[in-house]
Protein backbone atom coordinates (compact mmCIF):
# COMPACT_ATOMS: atom_id res chain seq x y z
CA MET A 1 -198.03 126.98 25.71
CA SER A 2 -198.43 130.56 24.14
CA ARG A 3 -201.73 132.10 26.14
CA PHE A 4 -203.33 132.88 22.57
CA LEU A 5 -202.43 130.05 20.28
CA GLY A 6 -201.59 126.80 21.86
CA SER A 7 -197.96 125.07 21.47
CA ILE A 8 -195.27 126.32 19.27
CA ARG A 9 -195.13 123.64 16.14
CA GLN A 10 -192.39 124.70 13.96
CA LEU A 11 -188.63 126.42 14.07
CA GLY A 12 -188.38 128.32 10.53
CA TYR A 13 -184.63 128.79 10.17
CA VAL A 14 -183.07 131.19 7.26
CA VAL A 15 -180.72 129.67 5.31
CA ASP A 16 -178.24 130.51 2.37
CA ASP A 17 -177.25 126.85 1.46
CA ILE A 18 -180.39 124.65 2.13
CA GLU A 19 -178.54 121.35 1.01
CA ALA A 20 -176.22 122.01 2.86
CA ALA A 21 -178.73 122.89 6.31
CA MET A 22 -180.55 119.73 5.48
CA ALA A 23 -177.32 117.50 5.09
CA HIS A 24 -176.38 119.14 8.53
CA TRP A 25 -179.31 118.63 10.38
CA HIS A 26 -179.32 114.80 9.04
CA SER A 27 -176.12 113.53 9.63
CA VAL A 28 -174.93 115.99 12.53
CA MET A 29 -178.47 116.61 14.14
CA GLY A 30 -180.12 113.19 13.56
CA VAL A 31 -182.98 115.03 12.31
CA GLY A 32 -185.60 113.72 8.94
CA PRO A 33 -186.31 112.82 6.58
CA TRP A 34 -186.27 116.28 4.34
CA PHE A 35 -189.22 116.91 2.62
CA TYR A 36 -187.87 119.14 -0.14
CA ASN A 37 -189.46 121.42 -2.43
CA PRO A 38 -186.92 123.38 -4.59
CA ARG A 39 -189.85 126.51 -5.40
CA VAL A 40 -192.83 126.55 -3.20
CA PRO A 41 -195.76 127.32 -5.29
CA ILE A 42 -196.89 130.10 -2.88
CA GLU A 43 -200.01 131.92 -4.05
CA ASP A 44 -201.74 135.67 -3.16
CA TYR A 45 -197.97 136.36 -1.63
CA ARG A 46 -197.96 139.85 -0.08
CA TYR A 47 -195.74 141.70 1.45
CA ASP A 48 -196.45 144.81 3.26
CA GLY A 49 -200.16 144.52 1.19
CA GLU A 50 -198.29 144.43 -2.17
CA PRO A 51 -198.05 141.53 -3.97
CA HIS A 52 -195.17 140.15 -5.59
CA GLU A 53 -193.82 136.92 -6.84
CA VAL A 54 -191.29 134.87 -4.68
CA HIS A 55 -188.53 132.06 -5.45
CA ASN A 56 -188.29 129.87 -1.87
CA SER A 57 -186.96 126.89 -1.20
CA VAL A 58 -188.29 125.06 1.59
CA ALA A 59 -187.35 121.36 3.07
CA LEU A 60 -189.37 120.02 6.50
CA ALA A 61 -188.72 117.85 8.75
CA ASN A 62 -190.16 116.97 12.09
CA SER A 63 -188.04 116.49 15.67
CA GLY A 64 -190.59 114.81 17.65
CA PRO A 65 -193.80 117.01 17.46
CA MET A 66 -191.42 119.83 16.16
CA GLN A 67 -191.61 120.54 12.54
CA VAL A 68 -187.94 122.29 11.43
CA GLU A 69 -188.29 124.17 8.29
CA LEU A 70 -185.71 125.23 6.48
CA ILE A 71 -186.05 128.34 3.87
CA GLN A 72 -183.69 129.74 1.25
CA THR A 73 -184.56 132.72 -1.01
CA ARG A 74 -183.97 132.46 -4.41
CA ASN A 75 -184.68 136.03 -5.54
CA ASP A 76 -184.45 139.14 -4.68
CA ALA A 77 -188.37 139.44 -4.38
CA PRO A 78 -189.37 141.46 -0.64
CA SER A 79 -189.47 138.82 2.25
CA MET A 80 -189.22 139.05 6.12
CA TYR A 81 -186.66 136.00 5.14
CA ARG A 82 -184.68 138.85 3.05
CA ASP A 83 -184.81 140.90 5.54
CA PHE A 84 -183.59 138.87 7.75
CA MET A 85 -180.63 137.99 6.21
CA ARG A 86 -179.82 141.25 4.84
CA ALA A 87 -179.37 142.28 8.53
CA GLY A 88 -176.99 140.07 8.84
CA HIS A 89 -178.68 136.76 10.54
CA LYS A 90 -178.88 133.49 9.92
CA GLY A 91 -180.90 130.90 11.68
CA LEU A 92 -183.88 130.90 13.59
CA GLN A 93 -186.11 133.52 11.70
CA HIS A 94 -189.82 132.93 13.17
CA VAL A 95 -191.76 130.55 15.47
CA ALA A 96 -194.64 129.37 14.00
CA TYR A 97 -198.20 128.50 15.35
CA TRP A 98 -200.81 126.13 13.60
CA THR A 99 -204.52 126.94 13.40
CA GLN A 100 -207.45 124.94 12.49
CA ASP A 101 -209.47 128.14 12.75
CA TYR A 102 -207.17 130.96 10.77
CA ASP A 103 -209.89 133.52 10.36
CA ALA A 104 -210.66 133.53 14.21
CA ASP A 105 -206.93 133.31 15.35
CA LEU A 106 -205.93 135.89 12.53
CA ALA A 107 -208.51 138.13 14.45
CA ARG A 108 -207.24 137.11 17.98
CA MET A 109 -203.55 137.97 17.06
CA GLU A 110 -204.43 141.64 15.43
CA GLU A 111 -206.27 142.28 18.53
CA GLU A 112 -203.16 141.59 20.45
CA GLY A 113 -201.95 144.32 18.61
CA PHE A 114 -199.58 142.08 15.76
CA ARG A 115 -199.92 143.48 12.49
CA GLN A 116 -199.74 141.46 8.96
CA LYS A 117 -196.47 142.11 7.38
CA MET A 118 -196.28 138.72 4.93
CA SER A 119 -198.62 136.79 3.84
CA GLY A 120 -199.66 134.15 1.33
CA ARG A 121 -201.19 130.16 0.52
CA VAL A 122 -199.80 127.15 -0.26
CA GLY A 123 -202.66 124.71 -1.33
CA ALA A 124 -206.06 124.80 -0.33
CA ASN A 125 -206.72 125.92 3.13
CA GLY A 126 -203.21 126.53 3.64
CA ARG A 127 -202.71 130.31 4.42
CA PHE A 128 -200.02 131.71 6.48
CA VAL A 129 -199.25 134.80 8.07
CA TYR A 130 -196.28 136.49 9.33
CA PHE A 131 -196.42 139.55 11.64
CA ASP A 132 -194.17 142.88 12.19
CA ARG A 133 -193.92 142.63 15.75
CA GLU A 134 -190.99 140.90 16.72
CA ALA A 135 -191.17 138.12 19.87
CA HIS A 136 -187.58 139.13 20.92
CA PRO A 137 -184.89 140.54 18.09
CA GLY A 138 -184.79 138.76 14.76
CA THR A 139 -187.78 136.38 15.49
CA VAL A 140 -191.07 136.86 14.16
CA ILE A 141 -194.47 134.85 14.42
CA GLU A 142 -196.27 132.99 11.53
CA LEU A 143 -199.47 131.98 11.75
CA SER A 144 -200.23 128.70 9.52
CA GLU A 145 -203.53 127.09 8.72
CA VAL A 146 -203.37 123.50 8.72
CA VAL A 147 -206.88 122.49 7.28
CA GLY A 148 -207.07 120.73 3.90
CA PRO A 149 -203.47 119.07 1.95
CA LYS A 150 -201.18 121.71 3.79
CA GLY A 151 -202.26 119.83 7.35
CA ARG A 152 -201.94 116.76 5.49
CA LEU A 153 -198.43 116.86 4.34
CA PHE A 154 -197.72 118.00 7.71
CA GLU A 155 -198.95 114.83 9.19
CA LEU A 156 -196.96 113.00 6.52
CA ILE A 157 -193.68 114.24 7.30
CA ARG A 158 -194.13 114.10 11.40
CA GLU A 159 -195.52 110.19 10.30
CA ALA A 160 -192.12 109.74 8.44
CA SER A 161 -189.84 110.75 10.97
CA GLU A 162 -191.24 108.55 13.80
CA GLY A 163 -188.78 105.99 13.55
CA TRP A 164 -186.67 106.99 10.84
CA ASP A 165 -183.77 105.13 10.18
CA GLY A 166 -181.54 107.24 8.34
CA ALA A 167 -182.37 105.91 4.76
CA GLU A 168 -183.51 108.58 1.98
CA PRO A 169 -182.85 111.62 3.86
CA VAL A 170 -184.13 114.27 1.10
CA ARG A 171 -187.17 113.07 -0.08
CA PRO A 172 -189.40 115.35 -2.52
CA PHE A 173 -192.51 117.09 -1.72
CA PRO A 174 -195.27 115.29 -2.63
CA ASP A 175 -197.72 116.92 -4.88
CA LEU A 176 -200.60 118.72 -2.77
CA SER A 177 -203.39 117.91 -4.96
CA THR A 178 -203.01 114.20 -3.93
CA LEU A 179 -203.51 114.58 -0.46
């Protein structure tokens, strides 16, 4: 367990073909069901402090308590995912810690010397930040707020994975405004 943020809750993989990645994870690894959003509605997105319009596809599934995230960039907007791919990497790009006290945990990370590189928001109380200090080459830390709709979505995904029988391996993201 991390000395400052608790347990790692998510492994984030950057892929060049999200549909093939989901198929591999559910048919070979037995992980699913996948909740897929072909265009994540990211608000207030910033990279190096500058706003940009990103188009990312994301799929989420759980393996026990660990959430697996698959990410495919669909445009050339600046992002740490794009940087990762341009550096010749594929696979694990980040580990995420979840928080219900985003402001306090963000302040603690900054006190530890971490600097914000990429940030935004997905739904109400769904802020996220990626830090520019790598834990090891190619893998960064994300702090993800899980209060409100995003937290309820993550719980729904975890619950769907429990006892999953392989049916409906890919499902659409529910509307966050209904959660």
